[in-house]
């Protein structure tokens, strides 16, 4: 989960990124990564809103919409959000990198 989106809006700094809690909340609100091609507007909006959860969870929805409306290059923004979500899913399902994995077996 190394990618972040940073910007300043109305003299406030924002850092957008995802973690497990953000992805879970997005999914509970209807986000479905597999529907990005068939519902790009809905999934794009949920992806953008969800990127605020980790670092700016108390932000108002109308402010998120206002920020989105004022950002440039939205197609590239959505592409980066997709990459960030993919990386988060990959990281969640990969082995721990510190070598402290717990072994499991089927009995």
Protein backbone atom coordinates (compact mmCIF):
# COMPACT_ATOMS: atom_id res chain seq x y z
CA UNK A 1 0.00 0.00 0.00
CA UNK A 2 2.61 2.50 -1.05
CA UNK A 3 0.73 4.78 -3.44
CA UNK A 4 -0.94 7.88 -2.08
CA UNK A 5 -2.65 10.86 -3.64
CA UNK A 6 -1.77 14.18 -2.06
CA UNK A 7 -3.24 17.61 -2.76
CA UNK A 8 -4.19 20.86 -1.09
CA UNK A 9 -7.76 22.11 -1.21
CA UNK A 10 -8.83 25.38 0.41
CA UNK A 11 -5.53 25.57 2.31
CA UNK A 12 -5.92 22.09 3.80
CA UNK A 13 -3.63 19.20 2.94
CA UNK A 14 -5.19 15.86 2.02
CA UNK A 15 -3.59 12.44 1.72
CA UNK A 16 -5.77 9.78 0.10
CA UNK A 17 -4.95 6.11 0.57
CA UNK A 18 -6.58 2.81 1.43
CA UNK A 19 -6.23 0.21 4.15
CA UNK A 20 -8.19 -2.89 5.14
CA UNK A 21 -10.77 -0.90 7.15
CA UNK A 22 -11.36 1.51 4.28
CA UNK A 23 -11.89 -1.29 1.76
CA UNK A 24 -14.27 -3.14 4.13
CA UNK A 25 -16.35 -0.01 4.68
CA UNK A 26 -16.42 0.69 0.94
CA UNK A 27 -17.66 -2.85 0.27
CA UNK A 28 -20.34 -2.47 2.95
CA UNK A 29 -21.48 0.70 1.16
CA UNK A 30 -21.83 -1.17 -2.14
CA UNK A 31 -18.37 -0.97 -3.68
CA UNK A 32 -17.65 -3.95 -5.93
CA UNK A 33 -14.31 -3.86 -7.73
CA UNK A 34 -15.55 -6.27 -10.39
CA UNK A 35 -18.27 -3.76 -11.38
CA UNK A 36 -15.89 -0.95 -12.31
CA UNK A 37 -16.40 -1.56 -16.05
CA UNK A 38 -20.19 -1.84 -15.90
CA UNK A 39 -20.82 0.88 -13.29
CA UNK A 40 -17.87 3.28 -13.62
CA UNK A 41 -19.69 6.33 -12.23
CA UNK A 42 -20.95 4.58 -9.11
CA UNK A 43 -17.75 2.63 -8.41
CA UNK A 44 -15.59 5.68 -9.21
CA UNK A 45 -17.52 7.82 -6.74
CA UNK A 46 -17.31 5.12 -4.04
CA UNK A 47 -13.58 4.65 -4.72
CA UNK A 48 -12.93 8.38 -4.35
CA UNK A 49 -15.03 8.65 -1.20
CA UNK A 50 -13.34 5.57 0.25
CA UNK A 51 -9.88 7.02 -0.26
CA UNK A 52 -10.68 9.58 2.47
CA UNK A 53 -11.55 6.98 5.13
CA UNK A 54 -8.05 6.19 6.35
CA UNK A 55 -6.82 9.75 6.93
CA UNK A 56 -9.90 11.98 6.82
CA UNK A 57 -12.78 9.88 8.15
CA UNK A 58 -14.69 12.87 9.57
CA UNK A 59 -14.92 14.77 6.27
CA UNK A 60 -18.41 15.63 5.05
CA UNK A 61 -19.71 13.95 1.88
CA UNK A 62 -20.63 17.26 0.28
CA UNK A 63 -17.02 18.43 0.72
CA UNK A 64 -15.74 15.23 -0.91
CA UNK A 65 -18.06 15.90 -3.86
CA UNK A 66 -16.91 19.50 -4.05
CA UNK A 67 -13.25 18.42 -4.04
CA UNK A 68 -13.92 15.83 -6.75
CA UNK A 69 -15.70 18.41 -8.90
CA UNK A 70 -12.67 20.72 -8.65
CA UNK A 71 -9.92 18.19 -9.34
CA UNK A 72 -8.44 18.05 -12.82
CA UNK A 73 -7.62 15.00 -14.97
CA UNK A 74 -10.34 12.76 -13.53
CA UNK A 75 -9.68 9.83 -15.91
CA UNK A 76 -6.11 9.55 -14.61
CA UNK A 77 -7.30 10.06 -11.03
CA UNK A 78 -9.71 7.13 -11.35
CA UNK A 79 -6.95 4.99 -12.92
CA UNK A 80 -4.67 5.71 -9.96
CA UNK A 81 -7.48 4.93 -7.50
CA UNK A 82 -8.00 1.58 -9.27
CA UNK A 83 -4.27 0.82 -8.99
CA UNK A 84 -4.29 1.75 -5.30
CA UNK A 85 -7.28 -0.51 -4.61
CA UNK A 86 -5.66 -3.40 -6.50
CA UNK A 87 -2.46 -2.95 -4.48
CA UNK A 88 -4.45 -2.93 -1.24
CA UNK A 89 -6.21 -6.18 -2.14
CA UNK A 90 -2.87 -7.76 -3.14
CA UNK A 91 -1.26 -6.62 0.10
CA UNK A 92 -4.15 -7.94 2.20
CA UNK A 93 -3.82 -11.41 0.70
CA UNK A 94 -0.04 -11.65 0.55
CA UNK A 95 2.15 -13.25 3.19
CA UNK A 96 3.62 -11.02 5.87
CA UNK A 97 6.88 -9.58 4.69
CA UNK A 98 8.50 -9.81 8.12
CA UNK A 99 8.65 -13.61 8.01
CA UNK A 100 6.29 -14.07 10.96
CA UNK A 101 3.62 -16.00 9.10
CA UNK A 102 1.58 -18.53 10.99
CA UNK A 103 1.48 -21.90 9.31
CA UNK A 104 -1.85 -23.66 8.89
CA UNK A 105 -2.91 -27.08 7.65
CA UNK A 106 -6.01 -29.05 6.68
CA UNK A 107 -6.75 -31.97 9.02
